[in-house]
Amino acid sequence: MNRKTIASMSIIVLIMLLLQVEVIHAAVGCSLNDPDRDVKRIFPKSTGYRTQFITIAERGGESLLKQVEAELRGKFDPEYEPIDVAYAYYTVLTGKDVIGYVHGVNQKGMFGGMQIILATDLQGMIVNMYYQKLSSPESRRFRDKAFTEQFVGLSLSDFVHHDGMRGRTCPADKVGAIRDPSEKSHDDFKATLRGIKKNLILHNIFNLSSKKAESH
């Protein structure tokens, strides 16, 4: 075996190992890098938080997955969104009172995985949105507050309304009014919208719906 062949085989093995690392990494849940710092930054009046890890597998399995996919209007990627991946939820407190939630999801982008973090109020309305991870040559455009702050005030109902308006122009379509900030990364823009909607769907199922049921 000559040196060229050995070098070629080494490159192939290296590429395969890198791909395996990406798949393994993608299947890990999206937790905050520094919960103490991040929660306090988003909710300055907070005095603490509770952390909970929830999977689709334990809450409803395949039937719940089908429900989520129906609401999302798209299939889950088995590499980035396996049914047993744990989603981290941070219930934010002021004293004993709950004042909001912080939660994130992994989403497949054009150049690898992105991590989208949302902070929501008690009704599920977005009060903060940012990328914890984003691999894109146009990441600065996506991270710009001029873009991310457009999601503040939106809720799951806005995304559902947007789905109903597909192919039509409607002044009340708040999601449809958000424009792609990039020049050549439209798929990352679409991935962002998908990731935020998925995040809101899961939060509604895992947390808000159960709270509503408890109050009745």
N, C-alpha and C. Protein backbone atom coordinates (compact mmCIF):
# COMPACT_ATOMS: atom_id res chain seq x y z
N MET A 1 0.86 -1.19 0.00
CA MET A 1 0.00 0.00 0.00
C MET A 1 0.89 1.24 0.00
N ASN A 2 0.73 2.10 -1.02
CA ASN A 2 1.60 3.27 -1.11
C ASN A 2 1.13 4.39 -0.19
N ARG A 3 1.96 5.44 -0.14
CA ARG A 3 1.68 6.54 0.78
C ARG A 3 0.40 7.30 0.41
N LYS A 4 0.16 7.44 -0.91
CA LYS A 4 -1.05 8.14 -1.36
C LYS A 4 -2.31 7.42 -0.90
N THR A 5 -2.30 6.11 -1.01
CA THR A 5 -3.46 5.31 -0.60
C THR A 5 -3.68 5.43 0.90
N ILE A 6 -2.58 5.35 1.66
CA ILE A 6 -2.69 5.46 3.12
C ILE A 6 -3.23 6.82 3.52
N ALA A 7 -2.74 7.87 2.84
CA ALA A 7 -3.19 9.23 3.14
C ALA A 7 -4.67 9.39 2.83
N SER A 8 -5.10 8.84 1.69
CA SER A 8 -6.50 8.93 1.30
C SER A 8 -7.40 8.22 2.30
N MET A 9 -6.97 7.02 2.73
CA MET A 9 -7.76 6.26 3.68
C MET A 9 -7.83 6.99 5.03
N SER A 10 -6.74 7.63 5.41
CA SER A 10 -6.71 8.37 6.68
C SER A 10 -7.71 9.52 6.64
N ILE A 11 -7.78 10.21 5.51
CA ILE A 11 -8.72 11.32 5.36
C ILE A 11 -10.16 10.84 5.45
N ILE A 12 -10.44 9.71 4.79
CA ILE A 12 -11.79 9.14 4.81
C ILE A 12 -12.20 8.76 6.23
N VAL A 13 -11.27 8.13 6.96
CA VAL A 13 -11.55 7.73 8.36
C VAL A 13 -11.81 8.96 9.21
N LEU A 14 -11.01 10.01 9.00
CA LEU A 14 -11.17 11.24 9.78
C LEU A 14 -12.54 11.86 9.52
N ILE A 15 -12.94 11.90 8.26
CA ILE A 15 -14.25 12.47 7.90
C ILE A 15 -15.37 11.68 8.56
N MET A 16 -15.26 10.34 8.54
CA MET A 16 -16.29 9.49 9.15
C MET A 16 -16.39 9.74 10.65
N LEU A 17 -15.23 9.92 11.30
CA LEU A 17 -15.23 10.18 12.74
C LEU A 17 -15.87 11.52 13.06
N LEU A 18 -15.58 12.53 12.23
CA LEU A 18 -16.17 13.84 12.43
C LEU A 18 -17.68 13.81 12.26
N LEU A 19 -18.14 13.05 11.27
CA LEU A 19 -19.57 12.92 11.05
C LEU A 19 -20.25 12.24 12.23
N GLN A 20 -19.59 11.24 12.79
CA GLN A 20 -20.14 10.54 13.95
C GLN A 20 -20.23 11.47 15.15
N VAL A 21 -19.21 12.31 15.33
CA VAL A 21 -19.22 13.27 16.43
C VAL A 21 -20.38 14.23 16.28
N GLU A 22 -20.63 14.69 15.03
CA GLU A 22 -21.73 15.62 14.77
C GLU A 22 -23.07 14.99 15.11
N VAL A 23 -23.26 13.72 14.72
CA VAL A 23 -24.51 13.03 14.99
C VAL A 23 -24.72 12.86 16.48
N ILE A 24 -23.65 12.45 17.19
CA ILE A 24 -23.74 12.25 18.64
C ILE A 24 -24.07 13.56 19.33
N HIS A 25 -23.37 14.65 18.89
CA HIS A 25 -23.60 15.95 19.49
C HIS A 25 -25.02 16.43 19.24
N ALA A 26 -25.52 16.16 18.05
CA ALA A 26 -26.84 16.64 17.69
C ALA A 26 -27.93 16.01 18.54
N ALA A 27 -27.66 14.78 19.02
CA ALA A 27 -28.68 14.07 19.78
C ALA A 27 -28.70 14.47 21.25
N VAL A 28 -27.84 15.40 21.65
CA VAL A 28 -27.80 15.88 23.02
C VAL A 28 -28.79 17.02 23.18
N GLY A 29 -29.49 17.04 24.31
CA GLY A 29 -30.47 18.09 24.54
C GLY A 29 -29.84 19.46 24.64
N CYS A 30 -30.65 20.49 24.48
CA CYS A 30 -30.18 21.87 24.49
C CYS A 30 -30.37 22.47 25.88
N SER A 31 -29.32 22.48 26.68
CA SER A 31 -29.34 23.08 28.01
C SER A 31 -28.62 24.43 27.96
N LEU A 32 -28.91 25.29 28.90
CA LEU A 32 -28.22 26.57 28.98
C LEU A 32 -26.75 26.35 29.34
N ASN A 33 -25.87 27.10 28.72
CA ASN A 33 -24.43 26.98 29.00
C ASN A 33 -24.12 27.37 30.44
N ASP A 34 -24.77 28.42 30.92
CA ASP A 34 -24.56 28.90 32.29
C ASP A 34 -25.92 29.35 32.84
N PRO A 35 -26.70 28.42 33.37
CA PRO A 35 -28.07 28.74 33.81
C PRO A 35 -28.15 29.90 34.80
N ASP A 36 -27.26 29.93 35.79
CA ASP A 36 -27.30 31.01 36.79
C ASP A 36 -27.16 32.37 36.13
N ARG A 37 -26.19 32.48 35.23
CA ARG A 37 -25.95 33.76 34.54
C ARG A 37 -27.07 34.08 33.56
N ASP A 38 -27.44 33.07 32.75
CA ASP A 38 -28.40 33.31 31.67
C ASP A 38 -29.80 33.66 32.19
N VAL A 39 -30.26 32.93 33.20
CA VAL A 39 -31.59 33.20 33.75
C VAL A 39 -31.64 34.60 34.36
N LYS A 40 -30.59 34.97 35.10
CA LYS A 40 -30.55 36.29 35.74
C LYS A 40 -30.48 37.40 34.71
N ARG A 41 -29.79 37.16 33.61
CA ARG A 41 -29.69 38.17 32.56
C ARG A 41 -31.05 38.42 31.90
N ILE A 42 -31.79 37.34 31.67
CA ILE A 42 -33.09 37.47 31.00
C ILE A 42 -34.17 37.96 31.95
N PHE A 43 -34.14 37.45 33.19
CA PHE A 43 -35.12 37.85 34.20
C PHE A 43 -34.38 38.46 35.40
N PRO A 44 -34.05 39.75 35.33
CA PRO A 44 -33.26 40.40 36.39
C PRO A 44 -33.88 40.30 37.79
N LYS A 45 -35.21 40.18 37.87
CA LYS A 45 -35.89 40.12 39.16
C LYS A 45 -35.95 38.71 39.73
N SER A 46 -35.40 37.73 39.01
CA SER A 46 -35.48 36.35 39.48
C SER A 46 -34.60 36.13 40.70
N THR A 47 -35.06 35.22 41.56
CA THR A 47 -34.27 34.85 42.74
C THR A 47 -33.85 33.39 42.69
N GLY A 48 -34.26 32.70 41.66
CA GLY A 48 -33.90 31.28 41.52
C GLY A 48 -34.67 30.65 40.37
N TYR A 49 -34.47 29.35 40.21
CA TYR A 49 -35.17 28.62 39.14
C TYR A 49 -35.17 27.13 39.45
N ARG A 50 -36.13 26.44 38.85
CA ARG A 50 -36.18 24.98 38.91
C ARG A 50 -35.86 24.43 37.53
N THR A 51 -35.12 23.34 37.48
CA THR A 51 -34.75 22.73 36.21
C THR A 51 -35.43 21.38 36.06
N GLN A 52 -35.97 21.14 34.87
CA GLN A 52 -36.62 19.87 34.59
C GLN A 52 -36.23 19.41 33.19
N PHE A 53 -35.97 18.12 33.05
CA PHE A 53 -35.63 17.53 31.76
C PHE A 53 -36.74 16.59 31.34
N ILE A 54 -37.30 16.81 30.15
CA ILE A 54 -38.46 16.06 29.69
C ILE A 54 -38.19 15.50 28.30
N THR A 55 -38.61 14.27 28.04
CA THR A 55 -38.48 13.68 26.71
C THR A 55 -39.86 13.35 26.15
N ILE A 56 -39.95 13.34 24.84
CA ILE A 56 -41.19 12.92 24.18
C ILE A 56 -41.47 11.46 24.48
N ALA A 57 -40.41 10.66 24.56
CA ALA A 57 -40.55 9.23 24.81
C ALA A 57 -41.27 8.96 26.12
N GLU A 58 -40.91 9.69 27.18
CA GLU A 58 -41.50 9.43 28.49
C GLU A 58 -42.87 10.06 28.65
N ARG A 59 -43.17 11.09 27.88
CA ARG A 59 -44.45 11.79 28.02
C ARG A 59 -45.55 11.24 27.12
N GLY A 60 -45.17 10.46 26.10
CA GLY A 60 -46.23 9.97 25.22
C GLY A 60 -45.75 9.10 24.08
N GLY A 61 -44.42 9.00 23.93
CA GLY A 61 -43.87 8.11 22.92
C GLY A 61 -44.24 8.49 21.50
N GLU A 62 -44.43 7.48 20.67
CA GLU A 62 -44.68 7.68 19.24
C GLU A 62 -45.97 8.46 18.98
N SER A 63 -46.99 8.24 19.80
CA SER A 63 -48.25 8.96 19.58
C SER A 63 -48.08 10.45 19.82
N LEU A 64 -47.30 10.81 20.84
CA LEU A 64 -47.03 12.22 21.11
C LEU A 64 -46.16 12.81 20.01
N LEU A 65 -45.21 12.04 19.53
CA LEU A 65 -44.37 12.50 18.44
C LEU A 65 -45.21 12.86 17.22
N LYS A 66 -46.17 11.99 16.89
CA LYS A 66 -47.05 12.26 15.75
C LYS A 66 -47.87 13.53 15.96
N GLN A 67 -48.29 13.75 17.20
CA GLN A 67 -49.05 14.96 17.52
C GLN A 67 -48.19 16.20 17.31
N VAL A 68 -46.95 16.15 17.80
CA VAL A 68 -46.04 17.28 17.66
C VAL A 68 -45.73 17.54 16.19
N GLU A 69 -45.48 16.48 15.44
CA GLU A 69 -45.19 16.62 14.01
C GLU A 69 -46.38 17.19 13.25
N ALA A 70 -47.59 16.81 13.66
CA ALA A 70 -48.80 17.35 13.01
C ALA A 70 -48.92 18.84 13.26
N GLU A 71 -48.65 19.27 14.50
CA GLU A 71 -48.71 20.69 14.82
C GLU A 71 -47.57 21.46 14.14
N LEU A 72 -46.43 20.82 14.02
CA LEU A 72 -45.27 21.45 13.40
C LEU A 72 -45.40 21.49 11.88
N ARG A 73 -46.20 20.56 11.36
CA ARG A 73 -46.34 20.38 9.91
C ARG A 73 -45.02 19.94 9.28
N GLY A 74 -44.37 19.01 9.94
CA GLY A 74 -43.11 18.49 9.44
C GLY A 74 -42.61 17.36 10.31
N LYS A 75 -41.81 16.48 9.72
CA LYS A 75 -41.26 15.34 10.44
C LYS A 75 -40.03 15.74 11.25
N PHE A 76 -39.81 15.04 12.34
CA PHE A 76 -38.61 15.22 13.14
C PHE A 76 -37.43 14.52 12.46
N ASP A 77 -36.26 15.14 12.54
CA ASP A 77 -35.03 14.54 12.04
C ASP A 77 -34.53 13.57 13.11
N PRO A 78 -34.41 12.26 12.80
CA PRO A 78 -34.01 11.28 13.81
C PRO A 78 -32.61 11.52 14.39
N GLU A 79 -31.76 12.26 13.67
CA GLU A 79 -30.42 12.53 14.17
C GLU A 79 -30.42 13.73 15.13
N TYR A 80 -31.11 14.79 14.78
CA TYR A 80 -31.14 16.00 15.60
C TYR A 80 -32.29 16.01 16.59
N GLU A 81 -33.33 15.23 16.32
CA GLU A 81 -34.53 15.28 17.14
C GLU A 81 -35.04 13.89 17.50
N PRO A 82 -34.18 13.03 18.08
CA PRO A 82 -34.66 11.69 18.46
C PRO A 82 -35.71 11.77 19.55
N ILE A 83 -36.54 10.79 19.61
CA ILE A 83 -37.68 10.81 20.53
C ILE A 83 -37.25 10.79 22.00
N ASP A 84 -36.03 10.30 22.27
CA ASP A 84 -35.58 10.20 23.65
C ASP A 84 -34.65 11.32 24.07
N VAL A 85 -34.48 12.35 23.24
CA VAL A 85 -33.63 13.46 23.63
C VAL A 85 -34.33 14.27 24.72
N ALA A 86 -33.58 14.72 25.71
CA ALA A 86 -34.17 15.45 26.84
C ALA A 86 -34.16 16.95 26.57
N TYR A 87 -35.33 17.57 26.72
CA TYR A 87 -35.46 19.02 26.58
C TYR A 87 -35.40 19.64 27.98
N ALA A 88 -34.56 20.67 28.12
CA ALA A 88 -34.37 21.31 29.42
C ALA A 88 -35.32 22.49 29.57
N TYR A 89 -36.00 22.55 30.72
CA TYR A 89 -36.93 23.64 31.01
C TYR A 89 -36.54 24.27 32.35
N TYR A 90 -36.41 25.58 32.34
CA TYR A 90 -36.04 26.33 33.53
C TYR A 90 -37.24 27.17 33.94
N THR A 91 -37.84 26.81 35.06
CA THR A 91 -38.97 27.56 35.61
C THR A 91 -38.40 28.65 36.50
N VAL A 92 -38.60 29.89 36.11
CA VAL A 92 -37.96 31.03 36.78
C VAL A 92 -38.83 31.54 37.93
N LEU A 93 -38.19 31.81 39.06
CA LEU A 93 -38.91 32.18 40.28
C LEU A 93 -38.49 33.54 40.82
N THR A 94 -39.44 34.22 41.44
CA THR A 94 -39.16 35.34 42.33
C THR A 94 -39.78 34.95 43.65
N GLY A 95 -38.93 34.58 44.59
CA GLY A 95 -39.45 33.98 45.81
C GLY A 95 -40.06 32.63 45.47
N LYS A 96 -41.34 32.45 45.80
CA LYS A 96 -42.03 31.21 45.46
C LYS A 96 -42.89 31.36 44.21
N ASP A 97 -42.94 32.55 43.67
CA ASP A 97 -43.80 32.81 42.51
C ASP A 97 -43.08 32.54 41.20
N VAL A 98 -43.77 31.86 40.29
CA VAL A 98 -43.24 31.61 38.95
C VAL A 98 -43.45 32.86 38.10
N ILE A 99 -42.38 33.36 37.47
CA ILE A 99 -42.50 34.57 36.65
C ILE A 99 -42.21 34.32 35.17
N GLY A 100 -41.74 33.12 34.83
CA GLY A 100 -41.48 32.83 33.42
C GLY A 100 -40.74 31.52 33.24
N TYR A 101 -40.39 31.27 31.98
CA TYR A 101 -39.70 30.03 31.63
C TYR A 101 -38.57 30.32 30.63
N VAL A 102 -37.55 29.50 30.68
CA VAL A 102 -36.49 29.53 29.67
C VAL A 102 -36.33 28.12 29.14
N HIS A 103 -36.27 27.97 27.82
CA HIS A 103 -36.18 26.64 27.23
C HIS A 103 -35.56 26.74 25.84
N GLY A 104 -34.88 25.69 25.42
CA GLY A 104 -34.21 25.73 24.12
C GLY A 104 -34.37 24.42 23.35
N VAL A 105 -34.07 24.49 22.07
CA VAL A 105 -34.13 23.30 21.22
C VAL A 105 -32.92 23.29 20.27
N ASN A 106 -32.55 22.10 19.85
CA ASN A 106 -31.60 21.94 18.76
C ASN A 106 -32.36 21.99 17.45
N GLN A 107 -31.77 22.60 16.45
CA GLN A 107 -32.39 22.69 15.14
C GLN A 107 -31.29 22.54 14.08
N LYS A 108 -31.53 21.72 13.09
CA LYS A 108 -30.56 21.53 12.03
C LYS A 108 -30.55 22.74 11.12
N GLY A 109 -29.35 23.31 10.92
CA GLY A 109 -29.20 24.45 10.03
C GLY A 109 -28.39 24.09 8.80
N MET A 110 -28.07 25.09 8.01
CA MET A 110 -27.32 24.86 6.78
C MET A 110 -25.90 24.39 7.03
N PHE A 111 -25.31 24.84 8.13
CA PHE A 111 -23.90 24.57 8.39
C PHE A 111 -23.69 23.79 9.68
N GLY A 112 -24.71 23.06 10.11
CA GLY A 112 -24.61 22.29 11.33
C GLY A 112 -25.76 22.64 12.27
N GLY A 113 -25.64 22.19 13.50
CA GLY A 113 -26.72 22.41 14.46
C GLY A 113 -26.75 23.82 15.00
N MET A 114 -27.96 24.33 15.23
CA MET A 114 -28.13 25.60 15.92
C MET A 114 -28.91 25.33 17.20
N GLN A 115 -28.70 26.16 18.19
CA GLN A 115 -29.43 26.07 19.45
C GLN A 115 -30.19 27.36 19.65
N ILE A 116 -31.50 27.26 19.71
CA ILE A 116 -32.38 28.42 19.82
C ILE A 116 -32.98 28.46 21.21
N ILE A 117 -32.72 29.54 21.93
CA ILE A 117 -33.22 29.70 23.30
C ILE A 117 -34.37 30.70 23.32
N LEU A 118 -35.45 30.33 23.97
CA LEU A 118 -36.58 31.23 24.17
C LEU A 118 -36.81 31.44 25.66
N ALA A 119 -37.20 32.66 26.00
CA ALA A 119 -37.73 32.94 27.33
C ALA A 119 -39.18 33.35 27.12
N THR A 120 -40.08 32.80 27.90
CA THR A 120 -41.50 33.09 27.73
C THR A 120 -42.14 33.46 29.06
N ASP A 121 -43.26 34.19 28.96
CA ASP A 121 -43.99 34.53 30.17
C ASP A 121 -44.91 33.38 30.55
N LEU A 122 -45.79 33.60 31.50
CA LEU A 122 -46.63 32.52 32.00
C LEU A 122 -47.67 32.05 30.99
N GLN A 123 -47.96 32.86 29.99
CA GLN A 123 -48.93 32.49 28.96
C GLN A 123 -48.25 31.94 27.70
N GLY A 124 -46.93 31.86 27.70
CA GLY A 124 -46.23 31.32 26.55
C GLY A 124 -45.82 32.36 25.53
N MET A 125 -45.89 33.64 25.88
CA MET A 125 -45.47 34.70 24.96
C MET A 125 -43.96 34.90 25.07
N ILE A 126 -43.31 35.05 23.93
CA ILE A 126 -41.86 35.22 23.92
C ILE A 126 -41.46 36.58 24.48
N VAL A 127 -40.53 36.57 25.45
CA VAL A 127 -39.99 37.81 25.99
C VAL A 127 -38.52 37.99 25.63
N ASN A 128 -37.91 36.91 25.14
CA ASN A 128 -36.52 36.99 24.71
C ASN A 128 -36.22 35.80 23.81
N MET A 129 -35.42 36.03 22.76
CA MET A 129 -35.00 34.95 21.87
C MET A 129 -33.56 35.19 21.46
N TYR A 130 -32.74 34.16 21.53
CA TYR A 130 -31.36 34.29 21.06
C TYR A 130 -30.81 32.93 20.65
N TYR A 131 -29.73 32.96 19.89
CA TYR A 131 -29.03 31.74 19.48
C TYR A 131 -27.91 31.45 20.48
N GLN A 132 -27.97 30.31 21.11
CA GLN A 132 -26.86 29.91 21.97
C GLN A 132 -25.72 29.34 21.11
N LYS A 133 -26.12 28.75 19.99
CA LYS A 133 -25.15 28.23 19.03
C LYS A 133 -25.68 28.48 17.63
N LEU A 134 -24.80 28.94 16.74
CA LEU A 134 -25.20 29.16 15.35
C LEU A 134 -23.96 29.12 14.48
N SER A 135 -23.88 28.12 13.62
CA SER A 135 -22.75 27.97 12.69
C SER A 135 -23.19 28.48 11.33
N SER A 136 -22.86 29.72 11.04
CA SER A 136 -23.26 30.32 9.78
C SER A 136 -22.32 31.47 9.45
N PRO A 137 -21.92 31.62 8.19
CA PRO A 137 -21.10 32.77 7.80
C PRO A 137 -21.84 34.10 7.97
N GLU A 138 -23.16 34.03 8.13
CA GLU A 138 -23.95 35.24 8.33
C GLU A 138 -24.54 35.29 9.74
N SER A 139 -23.85 34.67 10.69
CA SER A 139 -24.36 34.60 12.05
C SER A 139 -24.59 35.98 12.67
N ARG A 140 -23.77 36.95 12.33
CA ARG A 140 -23.94 38.30 12.91
C ARG A 140 -25.28 38.90 12.50
N ARG A 141 -25.70 38.63 11.28
CA ARG A 141 -26.99 39.15 10.82
C ARG A 141 -28.15 38.51 11.60
N PHE A 142 -28.02 37.20 11.85
CA PHE A 142 -29.08 36.50 12.58
C PHE A 142 -29.09 36.89 14.06
N ARG A 143 -27.92 37.10 14.64
CA ARG A 143 -27.83 37.44 16.07
C ARG A 143 -28.18 38.90 16.35
N ASP A 144 -28.22 39.71 15.33
CA ASP A 144 -28.52 41.13 15.51
C ASP A 144 -29.88 41.31 16.19
N LYS A 145 -29.93 42.19 17.18
CA LYS A 145 -31.18 42.41 17.91
C LYS A 145 -32.29 42.93 17.01
N ALA A 146 -31.90 43.60 15.92
CA ALA A 146 -32.92 44.08 14.99
C ALA A 146 -33.72 42.92 14.41
N PHE A 147 -33.10 41.74 14.37
CA PHE A 147 -33.81 40.54 13.91
C PHE A 147 -34.44 39.79 15.08
N THR A 148 -33.66 39.45 16.10
CA THR A 148 -34.16 38.60 17.18
C THR A 148 -35.30 39.25 17.98
N GLU A 149 -35.28 40.58 18.11
CA GLU A 149 -36.32 41.23 18.91
C GLU A 149 -37.68 41.26 18.21
N GLN A 150 -37.70 40.91 16.92
CA GLN A 150 -38.98 40.84 16.21
C GLN A 150 -39.84 39.68 16.70
N PHE A 151 -39.22 38.71 17.39
CA PHE A 151 -39.97 37.56 17.90
C PHE A 151 -40.58 37.84 19.28
N VAL A 152 -40.13 38.91 19.92
CA VAL A 152 -40.67 39.27 21.23
C VAL A 152 -42.15 39.64 21.08
N GLY A 153 -42.98 39.07 21.91
CA GLY A 153 -44.42 39.32 21.85
C GLY A 153 -45.20 38.27 21.08
N LEU A 154 -44.48 37.39 20.37
CA LEU A 154 -45.15 36.33 19.61
C LEU A 154 -45.41 35.12 20.51
N SER A 155 -46.40 34.33 20.13
CA SER A 155 -46.71 33.09 20.84
C SER A 155 -47.02 32.01 19.82
N LEU A 156 -47.33 30.83 20.30
CA LEU A 156 -47.62 29.71 19.40
C LEU A 156 -48.79 30.04 18.48
N SER A 157 -49.78 30.75 18.98
CA SER A 157 -50.95 31.07 18.16
C SER A 157 -50.56 31.90 16.93
N ASP A 158 -49.53 32.71 17.03
CA ASP A 158 -49.07 33.50 15.88
C ASP A 158 -48.50 32.61 14.80
N PHE A 159 -47.80 31.55 15.20
CA PHE A 159 -47.24 30.63 14.22
C PHE A 159 -48.33 29.77 13.59
N VAL A 160 -49.34 29.41 14.38
CA VAL A 160 -50.47 28.66 13.84
C VAL A 160 -51.23 29.53 12.84
N HIS A 161 -51.41 30.79 13.18
CA HIS A 161 -52.09 31.73 12.27
C HIS A 161 -51.29 31.90 10.98
N HIS A 162 -49.96 31.96 11.12
CA HIS A 162 -49.08 32.09 9.95
C HIS A 162 -49.25 30.90 9.01
N ASP A 163 -49.37 29.71 9.57
CA ASP A 163 -49.58 28.51 8.75
C ASP A 163 -50.88 28.61 7.96
N GLY A 164 -51.89 29.17 8.60
CA GLY A 164 -53.18 29.30 7.94
C GLY A 164 -53.19 30.35 6.85
N MET A 165 -52.18 31.23 6.87
CA MET A 165 -52.11 32.32 5.88
C MET A 165 -51.18 32.00 4.72
N ARG A 166 -50.65 30.79 4.64
CA ARG A 166 -49.68 30.44 3.60
C ARG A 166 -50.27 30.70 2.22
N GLY A 167 -49.49 31.41 1.42
CA GLY A 167 -49.93 31.72 0.07
C GLY A 167 -50.75 32.98 -0.02
N ARG A 168 -51.01 33.61 1.14
CA ARG A 168 -51.81 34.84 1.17
C ARG A 168 -51.08 35.93 1.95
N THR A 169 -51.43 37.16 1.71
CA THR A 169 -50.87 38.28 2.44
C THR A 169 -51.90 38.77 3.44
N CYS A 170 -51.47 38.87 4.69
CA CYS A 170 -52.40 39.29 5.74
C CYS A 170 -51.66 40.21 6.72
N PRO A 171 -52.15 41.43 6.94
CA PRO A 171 -51.48 42.36 7.86
C PRO A 171 -51.36 41.81 9.28
N ALA A 172 -52.28 40.90 9.64
CA ALA A 172 -52.26 40.34 11.00
C ALA A 172 -51.28 39.18 11.15
N ASP A 173 -50.62 38.80 10.04
CA ASP A 173 -49.65 37.70 10.08
C ASP A 173 -48.31 38.24 10.58
N LYS A 174 -48.11 38.19 11.90
CA LYS A 174 -46.91 38.75 12.50
C LYS A 174 -45.65 37.98 12.13
N VAL A 175 -45.77 36.66 12.02
CA VAL A 175 -44.61 35.84 11.64
C VAL A 175 -44.24 36.11 10.18
N GLY A 176 -45.25 36.23 9.33
CA GLY A 176 -45.00 36.50 7.92
C GLY A 176 -44.36 37.85 7.67
N ALA A 177 -44.50 38.77 8.64
CA ALA A 177 -43.91 40.11 8.50
C ALA A 177 -42.42 40.12 8.80
N ILE A 178 -41.91 39.05 9.41
CA ILE A 178 -40.48 38.97 9.73
C ILE A 178 -39.70 38.59 8.48
N ARG A 179 -38.72 39.37 8.14
CA ARG A 179 -37.95 39.15 6.93
C ARG A 179 -36.59 38.52 7.22
N ASP A 180 -36.15 37.71 6.29
CA ASP A 180 -34.85 37.05 6.36
C ASP A 180 -33.75 38.12 6.42
N PRO A 181 -32.92 38.12 7.49
CA PRO A 181 -31.87 39.14 7.61
C PRO A 181 -30.62 38.82 6.79
N SER A 182 -30.55 37.61 6.26
CA SER A 182 -29.34 37.17 5.56
C SER A 182 -29.42 37.44 4.06
N GLU A 183 -28.29 37.24 3.39
CA GLU A 183 -28.24 37.40 1.95
C GLU A 183 -28.24 36.06 1.22
N LYS A 184 -27.57 35.07 1.82
CA LYS A 184 -27.44 33.77 1.14
C LYS A 184 -27.75 32.59 2.07
N SER A 185 -28.47 32.84 3.16
CA SER A 185 -28.72 31.78 4.14
C SER A 185 -30.21 31.65 4.45
N HIS A 186 -31.02 31.65 3.41
CA HIS A 186 -32.47 31.60 3.61
C HIS A 186 -32.90 30.33 4.32
N ASP A 187 -32.19 29.23 4.08
CA ASP A 187 -32.56 27.98 4.75
C ASP A 187 -32.35 28.08 6.25
N ASP A 188 -31.37 28.87 6.69
CA ASP A 188 -31.18 29.09 8.12
C ASP A 188 -32.30 29.94 8.70
N PHE A 189 -32.82 30.86 7.91
CA PHE A 189 -33.98 31.66 8.34
C PHE A 189 -35.19 30.74 8.52
N LYS A 190 -35.42 29.87 7.54
CA LYS A 190 -36.55 28.93 7.64
C LYS A 190 -36.35 27.97 8.82
N ALA A 191 -35.09 27.55 9.05
CA ALA A 191 -34.79 26.67 10.17
C ALA A 191 -35.05 27.37 11.49
N THR A 192 -34.77 28.67 11.54
CA THR A 192 -35.03 29.45 12.76
C THR A 192 -36.53 29.48 13.07
N LEU A 193 -37.34 29.76 12.06
CA LEU A 193 -38.79 29.78 12.27
C LEU A 193 -39.29 28.42 12.72
N ARG A 194 -38.77 27.36 12.10
CA ARG A 194 -39.18 26.01 12.48
C ARG A 194 -38.77 25.71 13.92
N GLY A 195 -37.53 26.07 14.28
CA GLY A 195 -37.04 25.80 15.62
C GLY A 195 -37.83 26.53 16.69
N ILE A 196 -38.18 27.78 16.42
CA ILE A 196 -38.96 28.55 17.39
C ILE A 196 -40.35 27.95 17.55
N LYS A 197 -40.98 27.61 16.43
CA LYS A 197 -42.31 27.00 16.50
C LYS A 197 -42.25 25.67 17.25
N LYS A 198 -41.26 24.85 16.95
CA LYS A 198 -41.11 23.56 17.65
C LYS A 198 -40.94 23.80 19.15
N ASN A 199 -40.12 24.78 19.48
CA ASN A 199 -39.87 25.12 20.88
C ASN A 199 -41.18 25.48 21.59
N LEU A 200 -41.99 26.30 20.94
CA LEU A 200 -43.26 26.72 21.54
C LEU A 200 -44.26 25.58 21.65
N ILE A 201 -44.28 24.70 20.65
CA ILE A 201 -45.18 23.54 20.69
C ILE A 201 -44.85 22.64 21.87
N LEU A 202 -43.57 22.31 22.01
CA LEU A 202 -43.16 21.42 23.09
C LEU A 202 -43.39 22.06 24.45
N HIS A 203 -43.11 23.34 24.57
CA HIS A 203 -43.34 24.04 25.84
C HIS A 203 -44.83 24.03 26.19
N ASN A 204 -45.66 24.24 25.20
CA ASN A 204 -47.11 24.23 25.43
C ASN A 204 -47.59 22.86 25.90
N ILE A 205 -47.06 21.80 25.27
CA ILE A 205 -47.47 20.44 25.64
C ILE A 205 -46.90 20.02 26.98
N PHE A 206 -45.62 20.24 27.17
CA PHE A 206 -44.94 19.77 28.38
C PHE A 206 -45.29 20.58 29.63
N ASN A 207 -45.50 21.88 29.46
CA ASN A 207 -45.64 22.74 30.63
C ASN A 207 -46.98 23.47 30.72
N LEU A 208 -47.32 24.25 29.71
CA LEU A 208 -48.50 25.10 29.81
C LEU A 208 -49.79 24.32 29.88
N SER A 209 -49.91 23.27 29.04
CA SER A 209 -51.14 22.47 29.04
C SER A 209 -51.38 21.79 30.37
N SER A 210 -50.31 21.28 30.97
CA SER A 210 -50.46 20.61 32.27
C SER A 210 -50.83 21.60 33.36
N LYS A 211 -50.31 22.84 33.26
CA LYS A 211 -50.65 23.87 34.24
C LYS A 211 -52.14 24.24 34.11
N LYS A 212 -52.62 24.34 32.86
CA LYS A 212 -54.03 24.66 32.65
C LYS A 212 -54.94 23.56 33.20
N ALA A 213 -54.51 22.30 32.99
CA ALA A 213 -55.31 21.17 33.49
C ALA A 213 -55.37 21.17 35.02
N GLU A 214 -54.26 21.55 35.66
CA GLU A 214 -54.21 21.56 37.12
C GLU A 214 -55.11 22.65 37.71
N SER A 215 -55.28 23.74 36.93
CA SER A 215 -56.07 24.86 37.46
C SER A 215 -57.58 24.63 37.35
N HIS A 216 -57.99 23.60 36.60
CA HIS A 216 -59.43 23.33 36.45
C HIS A 216 -59.89 22.22 37.39
